Amino acid sequence: MKSVTHSIFKTFLLSVLVVAQIHFAYAQTASILPPAKTTFFDANGNPLTAGTIESFIPAPLLIKQLWQDAAETIPNANPLTLDAAGELYY
């Protein structure tokens, strides 16, 4: 009986921690990533020219607002469009 109670307690504690982490993730302010070059390819290995990258918030599926600055005053495009080389600069 003791191990069943201990297992239930561990499951409950883990559930509370997971929910708390999700809550904190949505409470964060914007943070700017360093400039990065990301290249996307199609199924044949060719650069994905003029492709788009869209950002969403899951459950419910909502379009995520992207920002160019940490103060969240300059909105970024969503979707972001890839260049002729299939690269994305943001």
PDB file of N, CA and C in Angstrom:
ATOM      1  N   MET A   1       0.824  -1.196   0.000  1.00  0.00           N
ATOM      2  CA  MET A   1       0.000   0.000   0.000  1.00  0.00           C
ATOM      3  C   MET A   1       0.865   1.256   0.000  1.00  0.00           C
ATOM      4  N   LYS A   2       1.996   1.183   0.721  1.00  0.00           N
ATOM      5  CA  LYS A   2       2.870   2.341   0.817  1.00  0.00           C
ATOM      6  C   LYS A   2       3.458   2.700  -0.547  1.00  0.00           C
ATOM      7  N   SER A   3       3.843   1.694  -1.347  1.00  0.00           N
ATOM      8  CA  SER A   3       4.436   1.989  -2.652  1.00  0.00           C
ATOM      9  C   SER A   3       3.396   2.564  -3.614  1.00  0.00           C
ATOM     10  N   VAL A   4       2.139   2.142  -3.507  1.00  0.00           N
ATOM     11  CA  VAL A   4       1.085   2.693  -4.352  1.00  0.00           C
ATOM     12  C   VAL A   4       0.856   4.161  -4.010  1.00  0.00           C
ATOM     13  N   THR A   5       0.800   4.488  -2.722  1.00  0.00           N
ATOM     14  CA  THR A   5       0.626   5.870  -2.284  1.00  0.00           C
ATOM     15  C   THR A   5       1.805   6.719  -2.728  1.00  0.00           C
ATOM     16  N   HIS A   6       2.999   6.174  -2.597  1.00  0.00           N
ATOM     17  CA  HIS A   6       4.220   6.885  -3.006  1.00  0.00           C
ATOM     18  C   HIS A   6       4.206   7.133  -4.519  1.00  0.00           C
ATOM     19  N   SER A   7       3.784   6.156  -5.300  1.00  0.00           N
ATOM     20  CA  SER A   7       3.720   6.289  -6.750  1.00  0.00           C
ATOM     21  C   SER A   7       2.679   7.339  -7.156  1.00  0.00           C
ATOM     22  N   ILE A   8       1.533   7.343  -6.496  1.00  0.00           N
ATOM     23  CA  ILE A   8       0.500   8.334  -6.794  1.00  0.00           C
ATOM     24  C   ILE A   8       1.009   9.731  -6.462  1.00  0.00           C
ATOM     25  N   PHE A   9       1.690   9.874  -5.344  1.00  0.00           N
ATOM     26  CA  PHE A   9       2.233  11.172  -4.951  1.00  0.00           C
ATOM     27  C   PHE A   9       3.264  11.660  -5.968  1.00  0.00           C
ATOM     28  N   LYS A  10       4.149  10.764  -6.411  1.00  0.00           N
ATOM     29  CA  LYS A  10       5.153  11.149  -7.405  1.00  0.00           C
ATOM     30  C   LYS A  10       4.493  11.574  -8.713  1.00  0.00           C
ATOM     31  N   THR A  11       3.461  10.862  -9.128  1.00  0.00           N
ATOM     32  CA  THR A  11       2.745  11.216 -10.358  1.00  0.00           C
ATOM     33  C   THR A  11       2.074  12.572 -10.212  1.00  0.00           C
ATOM     34  N   PHE A  12       1.443  12.814  -9.067  1.00  0.00           N
ATOM     35  CA  PHE A  12       0.792  14.095  -8.818  1.00  0.00           C
ATOM     36  C   PHE A  12       1.817  15.232  -8.810  1.00  0.00           C
ATOM     37  N   LEU A  13       2.932  15.045  -8.136  1.00  0.00           N
ATOM     38  CA  LEU A  13       3.972  16.073  -8.055  1.00  0.00           C
ATOM     39  C   LEU A  13       4.537  16.370  -9.442  1.00  0.00           C
ATOM     40  N   LEU A  14       4.792  15.352 -10.228  1.00  0.00           N
ATOM     41  CA  LEU A  14       5.296  15.545 -11.585  1.00  0.00           C
ATOM     42  C   LEU A  14       4.281  16.308 -12.433  1.00  0.00           C
ATOM     43  N   SER A  15       3.002  15.993 -12.282  1.00  0.00           N
ATOM     44  CA  SER A  15       1.952  16.700 -13.029  1.00  0.00           C
ATOM     45  C   SER A  15       1.918  18.178 -12.656  1.00  0.00           C
ATOM     46  N   VAL A  16       2.033  18.477 -11.380  1.00  0.00           N
ATOM     47  CA  VAL A  16       2.034  19.875 -10.931  1.00  0.00           C
ATOM     48  C   VAL A  16       3.231  20.614 -11.505  1.00  0.00           C
ATOM     49  N   LEU A  17       4.394  19.989 -11.505  1.00  0.00           N
ATOM     50  CA  LEU A  17       5.593  20.633 -12.043  1.00  0.00           C
ATOM     51  C   LEU A  17       5.471  20.887 -13.538  1.00  0.00           C
ATOM     52  N   VAL A  18       4.907  19.952 -14.273  1.00  0.00           N
ATOM     53  CA  VAL A  18       4.726  20.130 -15.712  1.00  0.00           C
ATOM     54  C   VAL A  18       3.773  21.292 -15.986  1.00  0.00           C
ATOM     55  N   VAL A  19       2.669  21.350 -15.276  1.00  0.00           N
ATOM     56  CA  VAL A  19       1.720  22.440 -15.456  1.00  0.00           C
ATOM     57  C   VAL A  19       2.370  23.775 -15.105  1.00  0.00           C
ATOM     58  N   ALA A  20       3.151  23.818 -14.054  1.00  0.00           N
ATOM     59  CA  ALA A  20       3.822  25.056 -13.649  1.00  0.00           C
ATOM     60  C   ALA A  20       4.799  25.520 -14.720  1.00  0.00           C
ATOM     61  N   GLN A  21       5.533  24.602 -15.324  1.00  0.00           N
ATOM     62  CA  GLN A  21       6.485  24.971 -16.362  1.00  0.00           C
ATOM     63  C   GLN A  21       5.756  25.539 -17.580  1.00  0.00           C
ATOM     64  N   ILE A  22       4.640  24.980 -17.963  1.00  0.00           N
ATOM     65  CA  ILE A  22       3.872  25.481 -19.096  1.00  0.00           C
ATOM     66  C   ILE A  22       3.375  26.888 -18.796  1.00  0.00           C
ATOM     67  N   HIS A  23       2.924  27.105 -17.576  1.00  0.00           N
ATOM     68  CA  HIS A  23       2.443  28.430 -17.191  1.00  0.00           C
ATOM     69  C   HIS A  23       3.565  29.461 -17.302  1.00  0.00           C
ATOM     70  N   PHE A  24       4.759  29.137 -16.809  1.00  0.00           N
ATOM     71  CA  PHE A  24       5.869  30.072 -16.862  1.00  0.00           C
ATOM     72  C   PHE A  24       6.320  30.324 -18.289  1.00  0.00           C
ATOM     73  N   ALA A  25       6.198  29.343 -19.158  1.00  0.00           N
ATOM     74  CA  ALA A  25       6.609  29.520 -20.549  1.00  0.00           C
ATOM     75  C   ALA A  25       5.772  30.584 -21.239  1.00  0.00           C
ATOM     76  N   TYR A  26       4.484  30.663 -20.929  1.00  0.00           N
ATOM     77  CA  TYR A  26       3.627  31.664 -21.545  1.00  0.00           C
ATOM     78  C   TYR A  26       3.787  33.047 -20.908  1.00  0.00           C
ATOM     79  N   ALA A  27       4.374  33.113 -19.718  1.00  0.00           N
ATOM     80  CA  ALA A  27       4.514  34.381 -19.018  1.00  0.00           C
ATOM     81  C   ALA A  27       5.795  35.123 -19.400  1.00  0.00           C
ATOM     82  N   GLN A  28       6.655  34.535 -20.198  1.00  0.00           N
ATOM     83  CA  GLN A  28       7.918  35.165 -20.551  1.00  0.00           C
ATOM     84  C   GLN A  28       7.705  36.337 -21.489  1.00  0.00           C
ATOM     85  N   THR A  29       8.623  37.301 -21.397  1.00  0.00           N
ATOM     86  CA  THR A  29       8.619  38.391 -22.353  1.00  0.00           C
ATOM     87  C   THR A  29       9.452  37.976 -23.554  1.00  0.00           C
ATOM     88  N   ALA A  30       9.493  38.822 -24.549  1.00  0.00           N
ATOM     89  CA  ALA A  30      10.225  38.493 -25.773  1.00  0.00           C
ATOM     90  C   ALA A  30      11.719  38.472 -25.506  1.00  0.00           C
ATOM     91  N   SER A  31      12.402  37.579 -26.164  1.00  0.00           N
ATOM     92  CA  SER A  31      13.857  37.560 -26.139  1.00  0.00           C
ATOM     93  C   SER A  31      14.326  37.436 -27.579  1.00  0.00           C
ATOM     94  N   ILE A  32      15.330  38.187 -27.908  1.00  0.00           N
ATOM     95  CA  ILE A  32      15.836  38.238 -29.269  1.00  0.00           C
ATOM     96  C   ILE A  32      16.914  37.179 -29.455  1.00  0.00           C
ATOM     97  N   LEU A  33      16.748  36.379 -30.486  1.00  0.00           N
ATOM     98  CA  LEU A  33      17.752  35.382 -30.816  1.00  0.00           C
ATOM     99  C   LEU A  33      18.854  36.036 -31.633  1.00  0.00           C
ATOM    100  N   PRO A  34      20.075  35.528 -31.533  1.00  0.00           N
ATOM    101  CA  PRO A  34      21.133  36.084 -32.370  1.00  0.00           C
ATOM    102  C   PRO A  34      20.820  35.796 -33.838  1.00  0.00           C
ATOM    103  N   PRO A  35      21.291  36.664 -34.739  1.00  0.00           N
ATOM    104  CA  PRO A  35      21.042  36.415 -36.162  1.00  0.00           C
ATOM    105  C   PRO A  35      21.546  35.021 -36.555  1.00  0.00           C
ATOM    106  N   ALA A  36      20.703  34.318 -37.233  1.00  0.00           N
ATOM    107  CA  ALA A  36      21.067  32.958 -37.629  1.00  0.00           C
ATOM    108  C   ALA A  36      20.694  32.733 -39.082  1.00  0.00           C
ATOM    109  N   LYS A  37      21.511  31.968 -39.764  1.00  0.00           N
ATOM    110  CA  LYS A  37      21.210  31.596 -41.144  1.00  0.00           C
ATOM    111  C   LYS A  37      20.718  30.158 -41.117  1.00  0.00           C
ATOM    112  N   THR A  38      19.480  29.981 -41.507  1.00  0.00           N
ATOM    113  CA  THR A  38      18.880  28.659 -41.552  1.00  0.00           C
ATOM    114  C   THR A  38      18.490  28.379 -42.991  1.00  0.00           C
ATOM    115  N   THR A  39      18.891  27.226 -43.505  1.00  0.00           N
ATOM    116  CA  THR A  39      18.567  26.861 -44.874  1.00  0.00           C
ATOM    117  C   THR A  39      17.585  25.707 -44.866  1.00  0.00           C
ATOM    118  N   PHE A  40      16.532  25.824 -45.671  1.00  0.00           N
ATOM    119  CA  PHE A  40      15.516  24.779 -45.777  1.00  0.00           C
ATOM    120  C   PHE A  40      15.575  24.166 -47.164  1.00  0.00           C
ATOM    121  N   PHE A  41      15.345  22.848 -47.211  1.00  0.00           N
ATOM    122  CA  PHE A  41      15.423  22.101 -48.464  1.00  0.00           C
ATOM    123  C   PHE A  41      14.110  21.377 -48.726  1.00  0.00           C
ATOM    124  N   ASP A  42      13.815  21.141 -50.008  1.00  0.00           N
ATOM    125  CA  ASP A  42      12.624  20.367 -50.352  1.00  0.00           C
ATOM    126  C   ASP A  42      12.946  18.881 -50.269  1.00  0.00           C
ATOM    127  N   ALA A  43      12.014  18.034 -50.642  1.00  0.00           N
ATOM    128  CA  ALA A  43      12.186  16.581 -50.544  1.00  0.00           C
ATOM    129  C   ALA A  43      13.308  16.058 -51.446  1.00  0.00           C
ATOM    130  N   ASN A  44      13.663  16.812 -52.491  1.00  0.00           N
ATOM    131  CA  ASN A  44      14.729  16.393 -53.410  1.00  0.00           C
ATOM    132  C   ASN A  44      16.091  16.946 -53.028  1.00  0.00           C
ATOM    133  N   GLY A  45      16.173  17.695 -51.930  1.00  0.00           N
ATOM    134  CA  GLY A  45      17.438  18.250 -51.490  1.00  0.00           C
ATOM    135  C   GLY A  45      17.767  19.601 -52.109  1.00  0.00           C
ATOM    136  N   ASN A  46      16.832  20.187 -52.838  1.00  0.00           N
ATOM    137  CA  ASN A  46      17.040  21.516 -53.430  1.00  0.00           C
ATOM    138  C   ASN A  46      16.605  22.588 -52.441  1.00  0.00           C
ATOM    139  N   PRO A  47      17.247  23.775 -52.493  1.00  0.00           N
ATOM    140  CA  PRO A  47      16.813  24.855 -51.595  1.00  0.00           C
ATOM    141  C   PRO A  47      15.333  25.183 -51.816  1.00  0.00           C
ATOM    142  N   LEU A  48      14.631  25.408 -50.733  1.00  0.00           N
ATOM    143  CA  LEU A  48      13.201  25.696 -50.786  1.00  0.00           C
ATOM    144  C   LEU A  48      13.018  27.184 -51.076  1.00  0.00           C
ATOM    145  N   THR A  49      13.077  27.538 -52.336  1.00  0.00           N
ATOM    146  CA  THR A  49      12.975  28.919 -52.777  1.00  0.00           C
ATOM    147  C   THR A  49      11.577  29.472 -52.529  1.00  0.00           C
ATOM    148  N   ALA A  50      11.505  30.652 -51.911  1.00  0.00           N
ATOM    149  CA  ALA A  50      10.265  31.369 -51.632  1.00  0.00           C
ATOM    150  C   ALA A  50       9.301  30.589 -50.737  1.00  0.00           C
ATOM    151  N   GLY A  51       9.816  29.661 -49.953  1.00  0.00           N
ATOM    152  CA  GLY A  51       8.987  28.962 -48.978  1.00  0.00           C
ATOM    153  C   GLY A  51       8.652  29.899 -47.823  1.00  0.00           C
ATOM    154  N   THR A  52       7.777  29.483 -46.934  1.00  0.00           N
ATOM    155  CA  THR A  52       7.417  30.300 -45.789  1.00  0.00           C
ATOM    156  C   THR A  52       7.525  29.509 -44.497  1.00  0.00           C
ATOM    157  N   ILE A  53       7.808  30.224 -43.426  1.00  0.00           N
ATOM    158  CA  ILE A  53       7.866  29.650 -42.088  1.00  0.00           C
ATOM    159  C   ILE A  53       6.816  30.372 -41.257  1.00  0.00           C
ATOM    160  N   GLU A  54       5.903  29.613 -40.668  1.00  0.00           N
ATOM    161  CA  GLU A  54       4.848  30.192 -39.844  1.00  0.00           C
ATOM    162  C   GLU A  54       5.041  29.760 -38.397  1.00  0.00           C
ATOM    163  N   SER A  55       4.691  30.631 -37.451  1.00  0.00           N
ATOM    164  CA  SER A  55       4.819  30.327 -36.025  1.00  0.00           C
ATOM    165  C   SER A  55       3.435  30.280 -35.400  1.00  0.00           C
ATOM    166  N   PHE A  56       3.196  29.243 -34.603  1.00  0.00           N
ATOM    167  CA  PHE A  56       1.905  29.039 -33.964  1.00  0.00           C
ATOM    168  C   PHE A  56       2.072  28.754 -32.487  1.00  0.00           C
ATOM    169  N   ILE A  57       1.025  29.010 -31.718  1.00  0.00           N
ATOM    170  CA  ILE A  57       0.927  28.598 -30.328  1.00  0.00           C
ATOM    171  C   ILE A  57      -0.033  27.407 -30.322  1.00  0.00           C
ATOM    172  N   PRO A  58       0.398  26.250 -29.787  1.00  0.00           N
ATOM    173  CA  PRO A  58      -0.478  25.072 -29.794  1.00  0.00           C
ATOM    174  C   PRO A  58      -1.574  25.161 -28.737  1.00  0.00           C
ATOM    175  N   ALA A  59      -2.654  24.443 -28.987  1.00  0.00           N
ATOM    176  CA  ALA A  59      -3.756  24.190 -28.048  1.00  0.00           C
ATOM    177  C   ALA A  59      -4.306  25.427 -27.383  1.00  0.00           C
ATOM    178  N   PRO A  60      -5.186  26.186 -27.935  1.00  0.00           N
ATOM    179  CA  PRO A  60      -5.715  26.073 -29.287  1.00  0.00           C
ATOM    180  C   PRO A  60      -4.722  26.654 -30.287  1.00  0.00           C
ATOM    181  N   LEU A  61      -4.817  26.219 -31.504  1.00  0.00           N
ATOM    182  CA  LEU A  61      -3.866  26.637 -32.532  1.00  0.00           C
ATOM    183  C   LEU A  61      -4.101  28.104 -32.886  1.00  0.00           C
ATOM    184  N   LEU A  62      -3.159  28.955 -32.464  1.00  0.00           N
ATOM    185  CA  LEU A  62      -3.231  30.398 -32.701  1.00  0.00           C
ATOM    186  C   LEU A  62      -1.958  30.861 -33.392  1.00  0.00           C
ATOM    187  N   ILE A  63      -2.070  31.874 -34.226  1.00  0.00           N
ATOM    188  CA  ILE A  63      -0.884  32.448 -34.860  1.00  0.00           C
ATOM    189  C   ILE A  63      -0.096  33.205 -33.797  1.00  0.00           C
ATOM    190  N   LYS A  64       1.216  32.967 -33.729  1.00  0.00           N
ATOM    191  CA  LYS A  64       2.075  33.613 -32.732  1.00  0.00           C
ATOM    192  C   LYS A  64       2.647  34.900 -33.302  1.00  0.00           C
ATOM    193  N   GLN A  65       2.555  35.980 -32.541  1.00  0.00           N
ATOM    194  CA  GLN A  65       3.149  37.253 -32.944  1.00  0.00           C
ATOM    195  C   GLN A  65       4.652  37.178 -32.729  1.00  0.00           C
ATOM    196  N   LEU A  66       5.415  37.517 -33.741  1.00  0.00           N
ATOM    197  CA  LEU A  66       6.869  37.543 -33.650  1.00  0.00           C
ATOM    198  C   LEU A  66       7.327  38.992 -33.547  1.00  0.00           C
ATOM    199  N   TRP A  67       8.441  39.217 -32.857  1.00  0.00           N
ATOM    200  CA  TRP A  67       8.930  40.573 -32.627  1.00  0.00           C
ATOM    201  C   TRP A  67      10.367  40.715 -33.081  1.00  0.00           C
ATOM    202  N   GLN A  68      10.744  41.909 -33.525  1.00  0.00           N
ATOM    203  CA  GLN A  68      12.117  42.200 -33.926  1.00  0.00           C
ATOM    204  C   GLN A  68      12.942  42.729 -32.766  1.00  0.00           C
ATOM    205  N   ASP A  69      12.292  43.155 -31.668  1.00  0.00           N
ATOM    206  CA  ASP A  69      13.009  43.722 -30.531  1.00  0.00           C
ATOM    207  C   ASP A  69      12.456  43.157 -29.223  1.00  0.00           C
ATOM    208  N   ALA A  70      13.278  43.201 -28.178  1.00  0.00           N
ATOM    209  CA  ALA A  70      12.888  42.645 -26.888  1.00  0.00           C
ATOM    210  C   ALA A  70      11.773  43.441 -26.219  1.00  0.00           C
ATOM    211  N   ALA A  71      11.601  44.708 -26.572  1.00  0.00           N
ATOM    212  CA  ALA A  71      10.545  45.526 -25.984  1.00  0.00           C
ATOM    213  C   ALA A  71       9.179  45.249 -26.619  1.00  0.00           C
ATOM    214  N   GLU A  72       9.156  44.410 -27.636  1.00  0.00           N
ATOM    215  CA  GLU A  72       7.928  44.030 -28.343  1.00  0.00           C
ATOM    216  C   GLU A  72       7.220  45.246 -28.934  1.00  0.00           C
ATOM    217  N   THR A  73       7.989  46.112 -29.606  1.00  0.00           N
ATOM    218  CA  THR A  73       7.395  47.297 -30.242  1.00  0.00           C
ATOM    219  C   THR A  73       7.419  47.211 -31.762  1.00  0.00           C
ATOM    220  N   ILE A  74       8.298  46.362 -32.328  1.00  0.00           N
ATOM    221  CA  ILE A  74       8.405  46.232 -33.778  1.00  0.00           C
ATOM    222  C   ILE A  74       7.996  44.807 -34.166  1.00  0.00           C
ATOM    223  N   PRO A  75       6.796  44.643 -34.717  1.00  0.00           N
ATOM    224  CA  PRO A  75       6.374  43.287 -35.095  1.00  0.00           C
ATOM    225  C   PRO A  75       7.163  42.760 -36.288  1.00  0.00           C
ATOM    226  N   ASN A  76       7.356  41.462 -36.287  1.00  0.00           N
ATOM    227  CA  ASN A  76       8.019  40.790 -37.390  1.00  0.00           C
ATOM    228  C   ASN A  76       6.948  40.123 -38.246  1.00  0.00           C
ATOM    229  N   ALA A  77       7.273  39.843 -39.472  1.00  0.00           N
ATOM    230  CA  ALA A  77       6.323  39.178 -40.364  1.00  0.00           C
ATOM    231  C   ALA A  77       6.028  37.758 -39.871  1.00  0.00           C
ATOM    232  N   ASN A  78       4.819  37.314 -40.092  1.00  0.00           N
ATOM    233  CA  ASN A  78       4.446  35.925 -39.835  1.00  0.00           C
ATOM    234  C   ASN A  78       3.393  35.567 -40.872  1.00  0.00           C
ATOM    235  N   PRO A  79       3.743  34.850 -41.904  1.00  0.00           N
ATOM    236  CA  PRO A  79       4.915  33.995 -42.043  1.00  0.00           C
ATOM    237  C   PRO A  79       6.154  34.753 -42.534  1.00  0.00           C
ATOM    238  N   LEU A  80       7.304  34.170 -42.245  1.00  0.00           N
ATOM    239  CA  LEU A  80       8.567  34.669 -42.768  1.00  0.00           C
ATOM    240  C   LEU A  80       8.822  33.972 -44.103  1.00  0.00           C
ATOM    241  N   THR A  81       9.332  34.703 -45.092  1.00  0.00           N
ATOM    242  CA  THR A  81       9.541  34.148 -46.428  1.00  0.00           C
ATOM    243  C   THR A  81      11.017  33.835 -46.651  1.00  0.00           C
ATOM    244  N   LEU A  82      11.281  32.663 -47.205  1.00  0.00           N
ATOM    245  CA  LEU A  82      12.652  32.245 -47.518  1.00  0.00           C
ATOM    246  C   LEU A  82      13.132  32.956 -48.776  1.00  0.00           C
ATOM    247  N   ASP A  83      14.444  33.177 -48.867  1.00  0.00           N
ATOM    248  CA  ASP A  83      14.988  33.839 -50.057  1.00  0.00           C
ATOM    249  C   ASP A  83      15.247  32.812 -51.161  1.00  0.00           C
ATOM    250  N   ALA A  84      15.907  33.234 -52.229  1.00  0.00           N
ATOM    251  CA  ALA A  84      16.145  32.363 -53.391  1.00  0.00           C
ATOM    252  C   ALA A  84      17.022  31.161 -53.055  1.00  0.00           C
ATOM    253  N   ALA A  85      17.834  31.265 -52.015  1.00  0.00           N
ATOM    254  CA  ALA A  85      18.696  30.160 -51.608  1.00  0.00           C
ATOM    255  C   ALA A  85      18.032  29.273 -50.549  1.00  0.00           C
ATOM    256  N   GLY A  86      16.748  29.536 -50.240  1.00  0.00           N
ATOM    257  CA  GLY A  86      16.050  28.746 -49.225  1.00  0.00           C
ATOM    258  C   GLY A  86      16.497  29.080 -47.822  1.00  0.00           C
ATOM    259  N   GLU A  87      17.060  30.291 -47.637  1.00  0.00           N
ATOM    260  CA  GLU A  87      17.583  30.686 -46.344  1.00  0.00           C
ATOM    261  C   GLU A  87      16.660  31.693 -45.665  1.00  0.00           C
ATOM    262  N   LEU A  88      16.705  31.687 -44.353  1.00  0.00           N
ATOM    263  CA  LEU A  88      15.888  32.583 -43.569  1.00  0.00           C
ATOM    264  C   LEU A  88      16.791  33.380 -42.650  1.00  0.00           C
ATOM    265  N   TYR A  89      16.749  34.673 -42.796  1.00  0.00           N
ATOM    266  CA  TYR A  89      17.493  35.564 -41.910  1.00  0.00           C
ATOM    267  C   TYR A  89      16.474  36.287 -41.052  1.00  0.00           C
ATOM    268  N   TYR A  90      16.638  36.224 -39.742  1.00  0.00           N
ATOM    269  CA  TYR A  90      15.728  36.928 -38.848  1.00  0.00           C
ATOM    270  C   TYR A  90      16.478  37.532 -37.710  1.00  0.00           C
TER     271      TYR A  90
END
